[in-house]
Amino acid sequence: MTVRAHAAACPGRAARLRYRGALRASSGEHRQGRGILELYERLKLETLPLTRSRSAVPLLDQLFRQPIFVPSSLLDLDDMTSKPMVMQLLAKLRLLAF
């Protein structure tokens, strides 16, 4: 009996195998998601002392929300008060090798 024929004869087994595959995939996604959250927390702890700005966390939030951006797009955020301040924060983040 071929694998396909066996799967057709035992639909419950095929469903269990698909479920196990989905669990393995979601486990990898869970690890990846947890890694991103850990990176965010670490960068937040490193960024605050370096920038000494109340705008650092909202900027970091935006960078995680939209990792590819034009610096002028950050001026539309409520917490970004001026273009020089945004550019200064970005320059400090570059020092972190962000």
N, C-alpha and C. Protein backbone atom coordinates (compact mmCIF):
# COMPACT_ATOMS: atom_id res chain seq x y z
N MET A 1 0.85 -1.17 0.00
CA MET A 1 0.00 0.00 0.00
C MET A 1 0.90 1.24 0.00
N THR A 2 0.58 2.19 -0.86
CA THR A 2 1.37 3.41 -0.93
C THR A 2 1.04 4.32 0.25
N VAL A 3 1.87 5.29 0.46
CA VAL A 3 1.67 6.24 1.56
C VAL A 3 0.36 7.00 1.36
N ARG A 4 0.11 7.43 0.12
CA ARG A 4 -1.11 8.17 -0.16
C ARG A 4 -2.35 7.32 0.08
N ALA A 5 -2.28 6.05 -0.34
CA ALA A 5 -3.41 5.15 -0.13
C ALA A 5 -3.62 4.89 1.35
N HIS A 6 -2.50 4.74 2.09
CA HIS A 6 -2.61 4.52 3.53
C HIS A 6 -3.21 5.74 4.22
N ALA A 7 -2.82 6.95 3.79
CA ALA A 7 -3.37 8.17 4.38
C ALA A 7 -4.86 8.29 4.09
N ALA A 8 -5.26 7.86 2.88
CA ALA A 8 -6.68 7.90 2.54
C ALA A 8 -7.48 6.90 3.37
N ALA A 9 -6.84 5.75 3.65
CA ALA A 9 -7.53 4.72 4.43
C ALA A 9 -7.59 5.09 5.91
N CYS A 10 -6.65 5.89 6.39
CA CYS A 10 -6.59 6.28 7.81
C CYS A 10 -6.62 7.80 7.92
N PRO A 11 -7.76 8.44 7.69
CA PRO A 11 -7.80 9.91 7.69
C PRO A 11 -7.41 10.51 9.03
N GLY A 12 -7.68 9.83 10.13
CA GLY A 12 -7.30 10.36 11.44
C GLY A 12 -5.80 10.46 11.60
N ARG A 13 -5.09 9.47 11.08
CA ARG A 13 -3.62 9.46 11.17
C ARG A 13 -3.04 10.61 10.34
N ALA A 14 -3.58 10.82 9.15
CA ALA A 14 -3.09 11.90 8.31
C ALA A 14 -3.32 13.26 8.98
N ALA A 15 -4.47 13.42 9.62
CA ALA A 15 -4.75 14.67 10.33
C ALA A 15 -3.78 14.87 11.48
N ARG A 16 -3.47 13.78 12.20
CA ARG A 16 -2.51 13.89 13.32
C ARG A 16 -1.13 14.29 12.81
N LEU A 17 -0.72 13.71 11.66
CA LEU A 17 0.59 14.05 11.11
C LEU A 17 0.63 15.53 10.69
N ARG A 18 -0.46 16.02 10.07
CA ARG A 18 -0.51 17.44 9.71
C ARG A 18 -0.46 18.31 10.96
N TYR A 19 -1.16 17.90 12.01
CA TYR A 19 -1.19 18.65 13.26
C TYR A 19 0.21 18.71 13.88
N ARG A 20 0.90 17.57 13.88
CA ARG A 20 2.28 17.56 14.42
C ARG A 20 3.19 18.49 13.63
N GLY A 21 3.05 18.47 12.30
CA GLY A 21 3.85 19.38 11.47
C GLY A 21 3.55 20.83 11.78
N ALA A 22 2.28 21.14 11.97
CA ALA A 22 1.89 22.51 12.31
C ALA A 22 2.44 22.90 13.68
N LEU A 23 2.44 21.97 14.63
CA LEU A 23 2.99 22.26 15.95
C LEU A 23 4.49 22.56 15.87
N ARG A 24 5.21 21.77 15.08
CA ARG A 24 6.65 22.02 14.93
C ARG A 24 6.89 23.40 14.33
N ALA A 25 6.12 23.76 13.32
CA ALA A 25 6.29 25.07 12.68
C ALA A 25 5.97 26.20 13.66
N SER A 26 4.89 26.04 14.43
CA SER A 26 4.53 27.10 15.37
C SER A 26 5.53 27.20 16.50
N SER A 27 6.16 26.10 16.86
CA SER A 27 7.19 26.13 17.89
C SER A 27 8.37 26.97 17.44
N GLY A 28 8.77 26.82 16.17
CA GLY A 28 9.85 27.64 15.63
C GLY A 28 9.47 29.10 15.58
N GLU A 29 8.23 29.39 15.20
CA GLU A 29 7.76 30.78 15.16
C GLU A 29 7.72 31.36 16.57
N HIS A 30 7.36 30.54 17.55
CA HIS A 30 7.31 31.00 18.94
C HIS A 30 8.71 31.40 19.40
N ARG A 31 9.70 30.56 19.10
CA ARG A 31 11.09 30.88 19.49
C ARG A 31 11.54 32.16 18.81
N GLN A 32 11.20 32.32 17.54
CA GLN A 32 11.59 33.51 16.80
C GLN A 32 10.92 34.75 17.39
N GLY A 33 9.64 34.65 17.71
CA GLY A 33 8.93 35.77 18.31
C GLY A 33 9.50 36.15 19.67
N ARG A 34 9.85 35.13 20.46
CA ARG A 34 10.44 35.39 21.78
C ARG A 34 11.80 36.07 21.62
N GLY A 35 12.55 35.67 20.61
CA GLY A 35 13.86 36.29 20.35
C GLY A 35 13.73 37.76 19.98
N ILE A 36 12.70 38.09 19.21
CA ILE A 36 12.48 39.49 18.82
C ILE A 36 12.10 40.31 20.05
N LEU A 37 11.27 39.76 20.91
CA LEU A 37 10.89 40.48 22.14
C LEU A 37 12.10 40.68 23.05
N GLU A 38 12.96 39.67 23.14
CA GLU A 38 14.17 39.80 23.96
C GLU A 38 15.10 40.86 23.38
N LEU A 39 15.22 40.91 22.06
CA LEU A 39 16.02 41.95 21.41
C LEU A 39 15.46 43.33 21.71
N TYR A 40 14.15 43.47 21.63
CA TYR A 40 13.50 44.75 21.93
C TYR A 40 13.81 45.20 23.35
N GLU A 41 13.65 44.30 24.32
CA GLU A 41 13.91 44.65 25.72
C GLU A 41 15.37 45.02 25.94
N ARG A 42 16.28 44.27 25.32
CA ARG A 42 17.71 44.57 25.48
C ARG A 42 18.04 45.93 24.88
N LEU A 43 17.53 46.20 23.69
CA LEU A 43 17.80 47.50 23.06
C LEU A 43 17.19 48.65 23.83
N LYS A 44 16.03 48.42 24.41
CA LYS A 44 15.40 49.47 25.21
C LYS A 44 16.29 49.79 26.42
N LEU A 45 16.82 48.77 27.06
CA LEU A 45 17.69 49.01 28.22
C LEU A 45 18.99 49.70 27.82
N GLU A 46 19.51 49.41 26.63
CA GLU A 46 20.75 50.04 26.18
C GLU A 46 20.52 51.45 25.64
N THR A 47 19.34 51.67 25.06
CA THR A 47 19.06 52.94 24.40
C THR A 47 18.77 54.06 25.39
N LEU A 48 18.02 53.77 26.43
CA LEU A 48 17.62 54.82 27.38
C LEU A 48 18.82 55.52 28.03
N PRO A 49 19.80 54.80 28.56
CA PRO A 49 20.93 55.52 29.16
C PRO A 49 21.76 56.29 28.13
N LEU A 50 21.84 55.76 26.92
CA LEU A 50 22.65 56.43 25.89
C LEU A 50 22.00 57.72 25.42
N THR A 51 20.71 57.70 25.18
CA THR A 51 20.04 58.87 24.60
C THR A 51 19.55 59.86 25.65
N ARG A 52 19.18 59.37 26.83
CA ARG A 52 18.61 60.22 27.89
C ARG A 52 17.44 61.05 27.36
N SER A 53 16.62 60.42 26.55
CA SER A 53 15.50 61.12 25.94
C SER A 53 14.21 60.34 26.15
N ARG A 54 13.14 61.07 26.43
CA ARG A 54 11.85 60.41 26.60
C ARG A 54 11.31 59.92 25.25
N SER A 55 11.91 60.38 24.17
CA SER A 55 11.47 59.98 22.83
C SER A 55 12.16 58.70 22.35
N ALA A 56 13.11 58.18 23.12
CA ALA A 56 13.87 57.02 22.67
C ALA A 56 13.00 55.77 22.53
N VAL A 57 12.13 55.52 23.50
CA VAL A 57 11.30 54.32 23.44
C VAL A 57 10.27 54.41 22.32
N PRO A 58 9.56 55.54 22.14
CA PRO A 58 8.67 55.63 20.98
C PRO A 58 9.40 55.46 19.65
N LEU A 59 10.63 55.97 19.58
CA LEU A 59 11.42 55.79 18.36
C LEU A 59 11.75 54.31 18.16
N LEU A 60 12.16 53.65 19.22
CA LEU A 60 12.46 52.23 19.15
C LEU A 60 11.20 51.43 18.76
N ASP A 61 10.07 51.80 19.32
CA ASP A 61 8.81 51.15 18.94
C ASP A 61 8.56 51.28 17.44
N GLN A 62 8.76 52.47 16.92
CA GLN A 62 8.53 52.71 15.49
C GLN A 62 9.52 51.91 14.65
N LEU A 63 10.76 51.80 15.09
CA LEU A 63 11.75 51.03 14.33
C LEU A 63 11.39 49.55 14.29
N PHE A 64 10.79 49.04 15.34
CA PHE A 64 10.35 47.65 15.33
C PHE A 64 9.07 47.48 14.50
N ARG A 65 8.23 48.50 14.50
CA ARG A 65 7.00 48.45 13.71
C ARG A 65 7.31 48.54 12.22
N GLN A 66 8.27 49.41 11.87
CA GLN A 66 8.62 49.65 10.47
C GLN A 66 10.14 49.75 10.36
N PRO A 67 10.82 48.60 10.19
CA PRO A 67 12.29 48.60 10.21
C PRO A 67 12.94 49.33 9.03
N ILE A 68 12.24 49.44 7.92
CA ILE A 68 12.77 50.18 6.77
C ILE A 68 11.98 51.47 6.68
N PHE A 69 12.67 52.60 6.77
CA PHE A 69 11.99 53.88 6.85
C PHE A 69 12.87 54.98 6.31
N VAL A 70 12.25 56.12 6.08
CA VAL A 70 12.95 57.35 5.73
C VAL A 70 12.94 58.20 7.00
N PRO A 71 14.09 58.74 7.41
CA PRO A 71 14.11 59.50 8.68
C PRO A 71 13.04 60.58 8.77
N SER A 72 12.71 61.22 7.68
CA SER A 72 11.69 62.27 7.74
C SER A 72 10.31 61.73 8.10
N SER A 73 10.08 60.42 7.88
CA SER A 73 8.78 59.84 8.25
C SER A 73 8.60 59.79 9.77
N LEU A 74 9.70 59.84 10.51
CA LEU A 74 9.63 59.81 11.97
C LEU A 74 9.08 61.12 12.54
N LEU A 75 9.15 62.17 11.76
CA LEU A 75 8.66 63.47 12.24
C LEU A 75 7.14 63.48 12.41
N ASP A 76 6.46 62.55 11.77
CA ASP A 76 5.00 62.48 11.88
C ASP A 76 4.55 61.87 13.21
N LEU A 77 5.46 61.27 13.95
CA LEU A 77 5.10 60.67 15.23
C LEU A 77 4.84 61.75 16.27
N ASP A 78 3.92 61.48 17.18
CA ASP A 78 3.55 62.46 18.21
C ASP A 78 4.72 62.81 19.14
N ASP A 79 5.55 61.81 19.48
CA ASP A 79 6.61 62.03 20.46
C ASP A 79 7.87 62.66 19.88
N MET A 80 7.93 62.82 18.58
CA MET A 80 9.10 63.41 17.95
C MET A 80 8.86 64.90 17.77
N THR A 81 9.60 65.70 18.51
CA THR A 81 9.30 67.13 18.57
C THR A 81 9.94 67.93 17.44
N SER A 82 11.14 67.54 17.01
CA SER A 82 11.81 68.34 15.98
C SER A 82 12.73 67.46 15.14
N LYS A 83 13.04 67.95 13.96
CA LYS A 83 13.92 67.21 13.07
C LYS A 83 15.32 67.06 13.67
N PRO A 84 15.92 68.12 14.26
CA PRO A 84 17.24 67.93 14.86
C PRO A 84 17.25 66.87 15.97
N MET A 85 16.17 66.82 16.75
CA MET A 85 16.11 65.83 17.82
C MET A 85 16.04 64.41 17.24
N VAL A 86 15.25 64.23 16.20
CA VAL A 86 15.15 62.91 15.56
C VAL A 86 16.50 62.50 14.99
N MET A 87 17.16 63.41 14.31
CA MET A 87 18.46 63.09 13.70
C MET A 87 19.51 62.78 14.78
N GLN A 88 19.43 63.49 15.89
CA GLN A 88 20.36 63.24 16.99
C GLN A 88 20.12 61.85 17.59
N LEU A 89 18.86 61.49 17.78
CA LEU A 89 18.54 60.16 18.30
C LEU A 89 19.02 59.06 17.36
N LEU A 90 18.80 59.25 16.07
CA LEU A 90 19.24 58.25 15.09
C LEU A 90 20.77 58.12 15.09
N ALA A 91 21.46 59.25 15.23
CA ALA A 91 22.93 59.21 15.29
C ALA A 91 23.40 58.45 16.52
N LYS A 92 22.73 58.64 17.65
CA LYS A 92 23.10 57.91 18.87
C LYS A 92 22.83 56.42 18.72
N LEU A 93 21.73 56.07 18.04
CA LEU A 93 21.43 54.66 17.81
C LEU A 93 22.48 54.01 16.90
N ARG A 94 22.99 54.78 15.97
CA ARG A 94 24.06 54.25 15.11
C ARG A 94 25.31 53.92 15.93
N LEU A 95 25.55 54.68 16.99
CA LEU A 95 26.69 54.40 17.87
C LEU A 95 26.53 53.03 18.54
N LEU A 96 25.29 52.63 18.77
CA LEU A 96 25.02 51.32 19.35
C LEU A 96 25.19 50.21 18.32
N ALA A 97 25.45 50.59 17.07
CA ALA A 97 25.48 49.64 15.95
C ALA A 97 24.12 49.01 15.79
N PHE A 98 23.10 49.82 15.97
CA PHE A 98 21.71 49.40 15.84
C PHE A 98 21.48 49.17 14.40
